[in-house]
């Protein structure tokens, strides 16, 4: 049958997958978009809006 450590490994792998897909990747994507928006905002403070 299965060894107890094999079941623990599968459980740990499933928990890691859920953490990555439910918590980490959404937070990273929000953070990246927010950082880009902040960088554009700062750039426009010093250089004005595009086309001016």
N, C-alpha and C. Protein backbone atom coordinates (compact mmCIF):
# COMPACT_ATOMS: atom_id res chain seq x y z
N UNK A 1 0.83 -1.19 0.00
CA UNK A 1 0.00 0.00 0.00
C UNK A 1 0.88 1.25 0.00
N UNK A 2 0.29 2.34 0.45
CA UNK A 2 1.02 3.61 0.49
C UNK A 2 1.70 3.78 1.84
N UNK A 3 2.88 4.35 1.79
CA UNK A 3 3.58 4.67 3.03
C UNK A 3 2.97 5.93 3.63
N UNK A 4 2.98 6.05 4.95
CA UNK A 4 2.43 7.25 5.58
C UNK A 4 3.11 8.53 5.11
N UNK A 5 4.41 8.47 4.85
CA UNK A 5 5.10 9.67 4.39
C UNK A 5 4.64 10.06 2.99
N UNK A 6 4.21 9.09 2.18
CA UNK A 6 3.70 9.39 0.84
C UNK A 6 2.40 10.19 0.92
N UNK A 7 1.53 9.81 1.86
CA UNK A 7 0.28 10.56 2.04
C UNK A 7 0.56 11.97 2.55
N UNK A 8 1.52 12.09 3.46
CA UNK A 8 1.87 13.42 3.98
C UNK A 8 2.47 14.27 2.87
N UNK A 9 3.24 13.66 2.01
CA UNK A 9 3.83 14.40 0.89
C UNK A 9 2.78 14.88 -0.09
N UNK A 10 1.80 14.03 -0.37
CA UNK A 10 0.72 14.43 -1.27
C UNK A 10 -0.11 15.55 -0.66
N UNK A 11 -0.36 15.45 0.63
CA UNK A 11 -1.14 16.49 1.32
C UNK A 11 -0.37 17.82 1.30
N UNK A 12 0.94 17.75 1.56
CA UNK A 12 1.75 18.96 1.54
C UNK A 12 1.79 19.56 0.14
N UNK A 13 1.89 18.70 -0.88
CA UNK A 13 1.92 19.18 -2.26
C UNK A 13 0.58 19.84 -2.64
N UNK A 14 -0.53 19.23 -2.21
CA UNK A 14 -1.85 19.83 -2.50
C UNK A 14 -2.01 21.16 -1.79
N UNK A 15 -1.57 21.25 -0.53
CA UNK A 15 -1.66 22.50 0.21
C UNK A 15 -0.80 23.58 -0.42
N UNK A 16 0.38 23.21 -0.88
CA UNK A 16 1.25 24.18 -1.55
C UNK A 16 0.61 24.66 -2.85
N UNK A 17 0.03 23.76 -3.63
CA UNK A 17 -0.65 24.14 -4.86
C UNK A 17 -1.80 25.10 -4.58
N UNK A 18 -2.61 24.79 -3.57
CA UNK A 18 -3.72 25.67 -3.23
C UNK A 18 -3.22 27.03 -2.76
N UNK A 19 -2.17 27.05 -1.96
CA UNK A 19 -1.60 28.32 -1.51
C UNK A 19 -1.12 29.16 -2.69
N UNK A 20 -0.42 28.51 -3.63
CA UNK A 20 0.09 29.24 -4.78
C UNK A 20 -1.03 29.80 -5.65
N UNK A 21 -2.06 28.99 -5.92
CA UNK A 21 -3.10 29.41 -6.85
C UNK A 21 -4.13 30.33 -6.21
N UNK A 22 -4.37 30.20 -4.91
CA UNK A 22 -5.43 30.98 -4.27
C UNK A 22 -4.88 32.24 -3.61
N UNK A 23 -3.64 32.19 -3.11
CA UNK A 23 -3.12 33.30 -2.32
C UNK A 23 -1.98 34.02 -3.05
N UNK A 24 -0.92 33.30 -3.37
CA UNK A 24 0.30 33.95 -3.82
C UNK A 24 0.17 34.59 -5.21
N UNK A 25 -0.28 33.84 -6.20
CA UNK A 25 -0.36 34.39 -7.55
C UNK A 25 -1.33 35.56 -7.67
N UNK A 26 -2.52 35.51 -7.06
CA UNK A 26 -3.38 36.70 -7.12
C UNK A 26 -2.76 37.92 -6.44
N UNK A 27 -2.11 37.72 -5.29
CA UNK A 27 -1.47 38.86 -4.63
C UNK A 27 -0.31 39.41 -5.45
N UNK A 28 0.45 38.53 -6.08
CA UNK A 28 1.55 38.99 -6.93
C UNK A 28 1.03 39.77 -8.13
N UNK A 29 -0.04 39.29 -8.75
CA UNK A 29 -0.57 40.00 -9.92
C UNK A 29 -1.11 41.36 -9.52
N UNK A 30 -1.80 41.45 -8.40
CA UNK A 30 -2.30 42.74 -7.93
C UNK A 30 -1.12 43.66 -7.61
N UNK A 31 -0.12 43.13 -6.96
CA UNK A 31 1.05 43.93 -6.62
C UNK A 31 1.80 44.44 -7.83
N UNK A 32 1.93 43.61 -8.86
CA UNK A 32 2.64 44.02 -10.08
C UNK A 32 1.87 45.12 -10.79
N UNK A 33 0.55 44.97 -10.92
CA UNK A 33 -0.26 45.99 -11.56
C UNK A 33 -0.23 47.29 -10.76
N UNK A 34 -0.30 47.19 -9.44
CA UNK A 34 -0.25 48.38 -8.60
C UNK A 34 1.10 49.08 -8.71
N UNK A 35 2.18 48.32 -8.73
CA UNK A 35 3.50 48.91 -8.85
C UNK A 35 3.67 49.60 -10.20
N UNK A 36 3.15 48.99 -11.25
CA UNK A 36 3.22 49.62 -12.57
C UNK A 36 2.42 50.92 -12.60
N UNK A 37 1.22 50.90 -12.05
CA UNK A 37 0.40 52.11 -11.98
C UNK A 37 1.08 53.20 -11.17
N UNK A 38 1.69 52.83 -10.06
CA UNK A 38 2.41 53.80 -9.24
C UNK A 38 3.59 54.38 -10.01
N UNK A 39 4.32 53.54 -10.74
CA UNK A 39 5.46 54.02 -11.52
C UNK A 39 5.01 54.99 -12.61
N UNK A 40 3.91 54.69 -13.28
CA UNK A 40 3.39 55.59 -14.31
C UNK A 40 2.95 56.90 -13.68
N UNK A 41 2.30 56.84 -12.53
CA UNK A 41 1.85 58.04 -11.83
C UNK A 41 3.03 58.93 -11.46
N UNK A 42 4.09 58.33 -10.90
CA UNK A 42 5.28 59.10 -10.53
C UNK A 42 5.93 59.68 -11.79
N UNK A 43 6.01 58.90 -12.84
CA UNK A 43 6.60 59.37 -14.10
C UNK A 43 5.84 60.59 -14.62
N UNK A 44 4.51 60.54 -14.54
CA UNK A 44 3.71 61.65 -15.05
C UNK A 44 3.79 62.88 -14.14
N UNK A 45 4.08 62.70 -12.88
CA UNK A 45 4.28 63.85 -12.00
C UNK A 45 5.49 64.66 -12.47
N UNK A 46 6.55 63.97 -12.86
CA UNK A 46 7.77 64.66 -13.26
C UNK A 46 7.79 65.05 -14.74
N UNK A 47 7.11 64.30 -15.60
CA UNK A 47 7.22 64.54 -17.04
C UNK A 47 5.92 64.99 -17.68
N UNK A 48 4.87 65.08 -16.95
CA UNK A 48 3.58 65.49 -17.51
C UNK A 48 2.91 64.33 -18.21
N UNK A 49 1.61 64.51 -18.51
CA UNK A 49 0.90 63.44 -19.20
C UNK A 49 1.38 63.28 -20.64
N UNK A 50 1.14 62.14 -21.24
CA UNK A 50 1.59 61.93 -22.61
C UNK A 50 0.87 62.88 -23.58
N UNK A 51 1.60 63.36 -24.56
CA UNK A 51 1.01 64.21 -25.59
C UNK A 51 0.97 65.68 -25.24
N UNK A 52 1.52 66.05 -24.08
CA UNK A 52 1.48 67.48 -23.75
C UNK A 52 2.75 68.19 -24.17
